[in-house]
């Protein structure tokens, strides 16, 4: 989602998707600020989320926020 000169990534992702332990993300999304891709994955045994965000070569977004929505907040 584009808002206030920046990007909010995974804002509406259902909590169960990340909680499943499977990768969650999107590849090659066209935005006002250029192409963006991201992927994240939750490891419940280690209680950690790992991932990667990739922006266009010359991104113009003032900010980017990756929302990590786990079950039970």
C-alpha atoms as a PDB file:
ATOM      1  CA  UNK A   1       0.000   0.000   0.000  1.00  0.00           C
ATOM      2  CA  UNK A   2       1.322   3.450  -0.926  1.00  0.00           C
ATOM      3  CA  UNK A   3       0.766   6.098   1.751  1.00  0.00           C
ATOM      4  CA  UNK A   4       2.368   9.424   2.721  1.00  0.00           C
ATOM      5  CA  UNK A   5       5.274   9.059   0.291  1.00  0.00           C
ATOM      6  CA  UNK A   6       6.176   5.553   1.450  1.00  0.00           C
ATOM      7  CA  UNK A   7       5.250   1.899   1.212  1.00  0.00           C
ATOM      8  CA  UNK A   8       3.461  -0.332   3.718  1.00  0.00           C
ATOM      9  CA  UNK A   9       4.215  -3.948   2.848  1.00  0.00           C
ATOM     10  CA  UNK A  10       2.100  -6.925   3.993  1.00  0.00           C
ATOM     11  CA  UNK A  11      -0.305  -4.623   5.835  1.00  0.00           C
ATOM     12  CA  UNK A  12      -3.399  -6.749   5.156  1.00  0.00           C
ATOM     13  CA  UNK A  13      -1.790 -10.180   5.350  1.00  0.00           C
ATOM     14  CA  UNK A  14      -3.881 -12.619   7.406  1.00  0.00           C
ATOM     15  CA  UNK A  15      -1.995 -13.545  10.604  1.00  0.00           C
ATOM     16  CA  UNK A  16      -2.455 -17.266   9.900  1.00  0.00           C
ATOM     17  CA  UNK A  17      -0.416 -17.062   6.685  1.00  0.00           C
ATOM     18  CA  UNK A  18       2.811 -16.140   8.449  1.00  0.00           C
ATOM     19  CA  UNK A  19       1.933 -18.308  11.446  1.00  0.00           C
ATOM     20  CA  UNK A  20       1.832 -21.352   9.161  1.00  0.00           C
ATOM     21  CA  UNK A  21       5.627 -21.297   8.882  1.00  0.00           C
ATOM     22  CA  UNK A  22       5.423 -21.180   5.083  1.00  0.00           C
ATOM     23  CA  UNK A  23       6.989 -18.310   3.077  1.00  0.00           C
ATOM     24  CA  UNK A  24       4.797 -15.253   2.568  1.00  0.00           C
ATOM     25  CA  UNK A  25       5.533 -12.537   0.037  1.00  0.00           C
ATOM     26  CA  UNK A  26       5.121 -11.023  -3.371  1.00  0.00           C
ATOM     27  CA  UNK A  27       7.448 -10.759  -6.365  1.00  0.00           C
ATOM     28  CA  UNK A  28       7.698  -7.942  -8.860  1.00  0.00           C
ATOM     29  CA  UNK A  29       4.931  -5.702  -7.550  1.00  0.00           C
ATOM     30  CA  UNK A  30       4.660  -2.468  -9.534  1.00  0.00           C
ATOM     31  CA  UNK A  31       4.284   0.570  -7.291  1.00  0.00           C
ATOM     32  CA  UNK A  32       4.468   4.328  -7.757  1.00  0.00           C
ATOM     33  CA  UNK A  33       8.038   4.035  -6.405  1.00  0.00           C
ATOM     34  CA  UNK A  34       9.173   1.240  -8.706  1.00  0.00           C
ATOM     35  CA  UNK A  35       9.130  -2.528  -8.535  1.00  0.00           C
ATOM     36  CA  UNK A  36       9.312  -4.155  -5.088  1.00  0.00           C
ATOM     37  CA  UNK A  37       9.481  -7.759  -3.911  1.00  0.00           C
ATOM     38  CA  UNK A  38       9.485  -9.226  -0.431  1.00  0.00           C
ATOM     39  CA  UNK A  39       9.433 -12.586   1.270  1.00  0.00           C
ATOM     40  CA  UNK A  40       9.361 -13.514   4.934  1.00  0.00           C
ATOM     41  CA  UNK A  41       9.044 -16.753   6.851  1.00  0.00           C
ATOM     42  CA  UNK A  42       8.295 -17.477  10.507  1.00  0.00           C
ATOM     43  CA  UNK A  43      10.219 -20.142  12.406  1.00  0.00           C
ATOM     44  CA  UNK A  44       8.044 -21.029  15.415  1.00  0.00           C
ATOM     45  CA  UNK A  45      10.733 -23.230  16.985  1.00  0.00           C
ATOM     46  CA  UNK A  46      13.187 -20.314  17.041  1.00  0.00           C
ATOM     47  CA  UNK A  47      10.523 -17.618  17.495  1.00  0.00           C
ATOM     48  CA  UNK A  48      11.969 -15.543  14.678  1.00  0.00           C
ATOM     49  CA  UNK A  49      11.019 -14.128  11.311  1.00  0.00           C
ATOM     50  CA  UNK A  50      13.559 -13.957   8.499  1.00  0.00           C
ATOM     51  CA  UNK A  51      13.174 -12.484   5.068  1.00  0.00           C
ATOM     52  CA  UNK A  52      14.233 -10.086   2.380  1.00  0.00           C
ATOM     53  CA  UNK A  53      12.897  -6.957   0.699  1.00  0.00           C
ATOM     54  CA  UNK A  54      14.147  -5.889  -2.739  1.00  0.00           C
ATOM     55  CA  UNK A  55      13.520  -2.460  -4.248  1.00  0.00           C
ATOM     56  CA  UNK A  56      14.055  -1.010  -7.711  1.00  0.00           C
ATOM     57  CA  UNK A  57      17.588   0.157  -8.470  1.00  0.00           C
ATOM     58  CA  UNK A  58      16.697   3.780  -7.719  1.00  0.00           C
ATOM     59  CA  UNK A  59      13.765   3.737  -5.255  1.00  0.00           C
ATOM     60  CA  UNK A  60      12.039   7.035  -4.547  1.00  0.00           C
ATOM     61  CA  UNK A  61       9.951   6.013  -1.527  1.00  0.00           C
ATOM     62  CA  UNK A  62      10.649   8.118   1.559  1.00  0.00           C
ATOM     63  CA  UNK A  63      10.089   5.056   3.767  1.00  0.00           C
ATOM     64  CA  UNK A  64       9.051   1.419   3.756  1.00  0.00           C
ATOM     65  CA  UNK A  65       7.428  -0.527   6.581  1.00  0.00           C
ATOM     66  CA  UNK A  66       7.180  -4.315   6.539  1.00  0.00           C
ATOM     67  CA  UNK A  67       4.261  -5.411   8.721  1.00  0.00           C
ATOM     68  CA  UNK A  68       4.932  -8.709  10.482  1.00  0.00           C
ATOM     69  CA  UNK A  69       1.557 -10.030  11.569  1.00  0.00           C
ATOM     70  CA  UNK A  70       1.843 -13.175  13.702  1.00  0.00           C
ATOM     71  CA  UNK A  71      -1.105 -15.011  15.287  1.00  0.00           C
ATOM     72  CA  UNK A  72      -2.103 -13.628  18.690  1.00  0.00           C
ATOM     73  CA  UNK A  73      -0.453 -10.290  17.882  1.00  0.00           C
END
